[in-house]
């Protein structure tokens, strides 16, 4: 082939490459602008699955009869908790404090599930709860950011309510007995996890503390010295892990 034709062939090839890259880039840009990504359907499936767990998963899955708290106590001591009661699934207005309910209103509370546990020594009781919402990932992320920026999880007026269980050591576990608490807004599922702990003997607590303060080194308050911050944190963490595991198992794609 005569040499003078080669520049034309090279230019044509380069034009095709540029055009191809432009088409690929345009397609990618279009998908970013429209939100048409492979991750979004998966996220929607995860949220839809998690939102329905409150009525289609056995209670023993969400709230196991026993919880192992390896290293969950003060100083890394092991803990073990036994479930002593499960509340009937309920609406939000009758279960959550009005101020906490108002704080969660942007995500649309749907249902609240609660259970109460006692530790192996029968000295501490803890109510743990799952608040199922109507929100999508963005709304949950927004709420989580607000909780973090405004330190809402540390406000005593937003402390979750207890679930006393008649005829058990938690029979007298009411608002006045609350000692330590935690509230965690999840972002990969439409659920808020909370836990609140107190003494099993029904004593009143005048200075309740959020778990971070009750678990702080050198803390000398009653909730701190009794390990009730560790109780609330340990139980909430394990219920949360179980929830994540259940959601993951139900949304896993067959290999």
Protein backbone atom coordinates (compact mmCIF):
# COMPACT_ATOMS: atom_id res chain seq x y z
CA UNK A 1 0.00 0.00 0.00
CA UNK A 2 1.40 3.47 -0.82
CA UNK A 3 2.72 5.28 2.29
CA UNK A 4 0.55 8.33 1.65
CA UNK A 5 -2.59 6.34 2.63
CA UNK A 6 -1.33 5.39 6.12
CA UNK A 7 -2.00 8.75 7.88
CA UNK A 8 -5.61 8.60 6.69
CA UNK A 9 -6.05 5.07 8.08
CA UNK A 10 -4.44 6.06 11.39
CA UNK A 11 -6.62 9.14 11.72
CA UNK A 12 -9.75 7.08 11.04
CA UNK A 13 -8.77 4.52 13.67
CA UNK A 14 -8.12 7.23 16.25
CA UNK A 15 -11.48 8.82 15.47
CA UNK A 16 -13.22 5.49 16.10
CA UNK A 17 -11.42 5.07 19.40
CA UNK A 18 -12.35 8.58 20.53
CA UNK A 19 -15.95 8.09 19.42
CA UNK A 20 -16.12 4.78 21.27
CA UNK A 21 -14.75 6.29 24.45
CA UNK A 22 -17.20 9.15 24.10
CA UNK A 23 -20.12 6.78 23.82
CA UNK A 24 -18.95 4.78 26.83
CA UNK A 25 -18.37 7.93 28.84
CA UNK A 26 -21.73 9.34 27.81
CA UNK A 27 -23.48 6.15 28.84
CA UNK A 28 -21.72 6.18 32.19
CA UNK A 29 -22.54 9.83 32.75
CA UNK A 30 -26.14 9.19 31.86
CA UNK A 31 -26.37 6.35 34.37
CA UNK A 32 -24.88 8.55 37.10
CA UNK A 33 -27.31 11.36 36.34
CA UNK A 34 -30.35 9.13 36.22
CA UNK A 35 -29.28 6.93 39.13
CA UNK A 36 -29.49 3.83 36.95
CA UNK A 37 -26.80 1.75 38.64
CA UNK A 38 -26.56 -1.91 39.54
CA UNK A 39 -26.22 -1.05 43.23
CA UNK A 40 -29.52 0.78 43.51
CA UNK A 41 -31.85 -2.18 42.84
CA UNK A 42 -29.87 -4.18 45.39
CA UNK A 43 -30.22 -1.37 47.92
CA UNK A 44 -33.95 -1.17 47.26
CA UNK A 45 -34.27 -4.94 47.69
CA UNK A 46 -32.37 -4.78 50.97
CA UNK A 47 -34.60 -2.05 52.35
CA UNK A 48 -37.79 -3.76 51.20
CA UNK A 49 -36.64 -7.03 52.76
CA UNK A 50 -35.63 -5.43 56.05
CA UNK A 51 -38.84 -3.43 56.26
CA UNK A 52 -40.91 -6.60 56.25
CA UNK A 53 -38.94 -8.52 58.84
CA UNK A 54 -41.14 -7.43 61.73
CA UNK A 55 -44.03 -9.61 60.52
CA UNK A 56 -42.36 -12.46 58.60
CA UNK A 57 -39.38 -13.53 60.73
CA UNK A 58 -39.68 -15.72 63.87
CA UNK A 59 -39.24 -13.81 67.10
CA UNK A 60 -36.42 -16.14 68.14
CA UNK A 61 -34.47 -14.94 65.09
CA UNK A 62 -34.79 -11.26 65.91
CA UNK A 63 -34.57 -11.73 69.69
CA UNK A 64 -32.74 -14.98 70.50
CA UNK A 65 -33.63 -16.71 73.76
CA UNK A 66 -30.03 -16.31 74.93
CA UNK A 67 -27.25 -13.95 73.92
CA UNK A 68 -23.55 -14.60 74.40
CA UNK A 69 -21.65 -11.49 75.36
CA UNK A 70 -18.05 -12.60 74.99
CA UNK A 71 -15.91 -9.71 76.20
CA UNK A 72 -18.91 -7.40 76.47
CA UNK A 73 -18.61 -6.61 80.19
CA UNK A 74 -16.40 -4.11 82.02
CA UNK A 75 -12.75 -4.88 81.51
CA UNK A 76 -13.60 -7.33 78.72
CA UNK A 77 -15.45 -9.71 81.02
CA UNK A 78 -17.83 -12.18 79.39
CA UNK A 79 -21.57 -11.73 79.71
CA UNK A 80 -24.61 -13.86 79.00
CA UNK A 81 -28.20 -12.70 78.80
CA UNK A 82 -31.51 -14.57 78.83
CA UNK A 83 -34.69 -13.29 77.25
CA UNK A 84 -37.50 -13.07 79.81
CA UNK A 85 -40.22 -11.43 77.75
CA UNK A 86 -41.21 -10.24 74.28
CA UNK A 87 -43.71 -7.43 73.83
CA UNK A 88 -46.46 -7.82 71.23
CA UNK A 89 -45.51 -5.91 68.09
CA UNK A 90 -46.96 -2.46 68.49
CA UNK A 91 -47.50 0.88 66.87
CA UNK A 92 -45.17 3.74 67.57
CA UNK A 93 -47.31 6.21 69.50
CA UNK A 94 -48.03 3.76 72.34
CA UNK A 95 -44.43 2.57 72.64
CA UNK A 96 -42.08 5.50 72.10
CA UNK A 97 -41.83 8.64 74.16
CA UNK A 98 -43.54 11.51 72.27
CA UNK A 99 -40.31 13.50 71.95
CA UNK A 100 -38.38 10.51 70.57
CA UNK A 101 -41.27 9.70 68.25
CA UNK A 102 -41.19 13.26 66.97
CA UNK A 103 -37.46 13.01 66.33
CA UNK A 104 -38.00 9.85 64.28
CA UNK A 105 -40.97 11.28 62.36
CA UNK A 106 -38.93 12.18 59.24
CA UNK A 107 -38.28 8.47 58.62
CA UNK A 108 -41.87 7.39 59.26
CA UNK A 109 -42.08 4.91 62.13
CA UNK A 110 -44.04 1.80 61.09
CA UNK A 111 -43.67 -0.74 63.90
CA UNK A 112 -41.75 -1.30 67.12
CA UNK A 113 -40.57 -4.69 68.40
CA UNK A 114 -39.16 -5.07 71.92
CA UNK A 115 -37.80 -7.74 74.23
CA UNK A 116 -36.36 -7.66 77.73
CA UNK A 117 -33.30 -9.60 78.87
CA UNK A 118 -31.73 -10.33 82.25
CA UNK A 119 -28.06 -10.98 82.91
CA UNK A 120 -26.72 -14.24 84.35
CA UNK A 121 -26.57 -12.83 87.87
CA UNK A 122 -30.14 -11.46 87.72
CA UNK A 123 -28.91 -8.04 88.78
CA UNK A 124 -29.45 -6.14 85.55
CA UNK A 125 -32.34 -5.99 83.08
CA UNK A 126 -32.33 -4.52 79.59
CA UNK A 127 -35.04 -3.74 77.07
CA UNK A 128 -33.89 -3.81 73.46
CA UNK A 129 -36.01 -2.58 70.57
CA UNK A 130 -36.19 -2.39 66.79
CA UNK A 131 -38.01 0.55 65.23
CA UNK A 132 -38.96 -0.24 61.63
CA UNK A 133 -39.34 2.84 59.42
CA UNK A 134 -40.67 3.77 55.99
CA UNK A 135 -37.47 5.54 54.99
CA UNK A 136 -35.05 5.01 52.14
CA UNK A 137 -31.26 5.04 52.45
CA UNK A 138 -30.96 8.82 52.05
CA UNK A 139 -33.50 9.54 54.78
CA UNK A 140 -31.82 7.10 57.18
CA UNK A 141 -28.42 8.65 56.45
CA UNK A 142 -29.87 12.11 57.08
CA UNK A 143 -31.33 11.03 60.40
CA UNK A 144 -28.08 9.35 61.44
CA UNK A 145 -26.17 12.53 60.62
CA UNK A 146 -28.57 14.56 62.72
CA UNK A 147 -28.20 12.19 65.68
CA UNK A 148 -24.44 12.51 65.40
CA UNK A 149 -24.23 16.27 64.86
CA UNK A 150 -26.76 17.15 67.56
CA UNK A 151 -25.70 14.42 70.03
CA UNK A 152 -29.29 13.23 70.19
CA UNK A 153 -28.32 9.76 71.40
CA UNK A 154 -27.00 11.36 74.60
CA UNK A 155 -30.12 13.35 75.46
CA UNK A 156 -31.94 11.93 78.46
CA UNK A 157 -35.26 13.34 77.22
CA UNK A 158 -34.93 11.05 74.19
CA UNK A 159 -34.24 7.95 76.27
CA UNK A 160 -36.24 4.90 75.08
CA UNK A 161 -38.93 3.43 77.26
CA UNK A 162 -38.65 0.09 79.00
CA UNK A 163 -40.69 -3.08 78.60
CA UNK A 164 -41.42 -4.39 82.13
CA UNK A 165 -42.31 -8.08 82.29
CA UNK A 166 -44.81 -8.97 85.02
CA UNK A 167 -43.91 -11.83 87.29
CA UNK A 168 -40.17 -11.54 86.54
CA UNK A 169 -37.20 -9.60 87.87
CA UNK A 170 -38.12 -6.96 85.28
CA UNK A 171 -41.60 -6.49 86.70
CA UNK A 172 -40.65 -3.14 88.22
CA UNK A 173 -38.54 -1.94 85.31
CA UNK A 174 -40.14 1.41 84.51
CA UNK A 175 -39.09 4.89 83.45
CA UNK A 176 -37.63 5.76 86.85
CA UNK A 177 -35.43 2.66 86.78
CA UNK A 178 -33.67 3.50 83.52
CA UNK A 179 -29.91 3.71 84.06
CA UNK A 180 -28.17 3.64 80.67
CA UNK A 181 -29.25 3.64 77.06
CA UNK A 182 -28.18 3.65 73.41
CA UNK A 183 -29.94 4.61 70.17
CA UNK A 184 -28.38 3.68 66.84
CA UNK A 185 -29.78 4.74 63.46
CA UNK A 186 -28.82 2.18 60.81
CA UNK A 187 -28.19 3.30 57.25
CA UNK A 188 -28.16 0.04 55.29
CA UNK A 189 -31.60 -0.97 56.60
CA UNK A 190 -34.66 1.10 57.59
CA UNK A 191 -34.31 0.30 61.29
CA UNK A 192 -33.38 2.16 64.48
CA UNK A 193 -31.95 -0.05 67.24
CA UNK A 194 -32.21 0.95 70.89
CA UNK A 195 -31.56 -0.54 74.30
CA UNK A 196 -32.11 0.70 77.85
CA UNK A 197 -30.88 -0.98 81.03
CA UNK A 198 -31.57 -0.81 84.76
CA UNK A 199 -31.23 -2.65 88.05
CA UNK A 200 -33.25 -5.81 88.49
CA UNK A 201 -34.20 -4.87 92.04
CA UNK A 202 -36.31 -1.95 90.81
CA UNK A 203 -34.24 0.81 92.38
CA UNK A 204 -34.65 4.30 90.97
CA UNK A 205 -31.77 5.90 89.13
CA UNK A 206 -31.34 9.66 89.49
CA UNK A 207 -28.42 10.08 87.08
CA UNK A 208 -28.93 7.88 84.00
CA UNK A 209 -26.14 8.01 81.44
CA UNK A 210 -25.82 7.16 77.75
CA UNK A 211 -23.62 4.13 77.18
CA UNK A 212 -20.59 6.08 75.99
CA UNK A 213 -20.39 7.97 79.28
CA UNK A 214 -21.36 4.99 81.43
CA UNK A 215 -18.61 2.94 79.79
CA UNK A 216 -15.96 5.67 80.00
CA UNK A 217 -12.80 4.87 81.90
CA UNK A 218 -12.91 6.26 85.42
CA UNK A 219 -16.68 6.89 85.46
CA UNK A 220 -18.03 6.62 89.01
CA UNK A 221 -21.79 6.88 88.59
CA UNK A 222 -24.08 4.01 89.56
CA UNK A 223 -24.75 3.01 85.93
CA UNK A 224 -21.00 2.99 85.24
CA UNK A 225 -19.89 1.05 88.31
CA UNK A 226 -22.63 -1.52 87.88
CA UNK A 227 -21.75 -2.12 84.24
CA UNK A 228 -25.22 -1.19 83.01
CA UNK A 229 -23.75 0.81 80.16
CA UNK A 230 -22.01 -2.34 78.98
CA UNK A 231 -25.27 -4.27 79.34
CA UNK A 232 -27.23 -1.91 77.08
CA UNK A 233 -24.41 -1.64 74.55
CA UNK A 234 -23.67 -5.36 74.49
CA UNK A 235 -27.26 -6.44 73.96
CA UNK A 236 -27.99 -3.76 71.35
CA UNK A 237 -24.89 -4.73 69.39
CA UNK A 238 -25.82 -8.40 69.28
CA UNK A 239 -29.41 -7.79 68.25
CA UNK A 240 -28.14 -5.43 65.56
CA UNK A 241 -25.66 -8.02 64.28
CA UNK A 242 -28.40 -10.62 64.12
CA UNK A 243 -30.62 -8.24 62.17
CA UNK A 244 -27.88 -7.53 59.65
CA UNK A 245 -27.22 -11.25 59.25
CA UNK A 246 -30.90 -11.99 58.68
CA UNK A 247 -31.25 -9.23 56.07
CA UNK A 248 -28.09 -10.38 54.31
CA UNK A 249 -29.26 -13.99 54.19
CA UNK A 250 -32.64 -13.02 52.75
CA UNK A 251 -31.22 -10.76 50.05
CA UNK A 252 -28.27 -12.95 49.03
CA UNK A 253 -28.15 -13.80 45.35
CA UNK A 254 -27.94 -17.57 44.66
CA UNK A 255 -24.51 -18.53 43.33
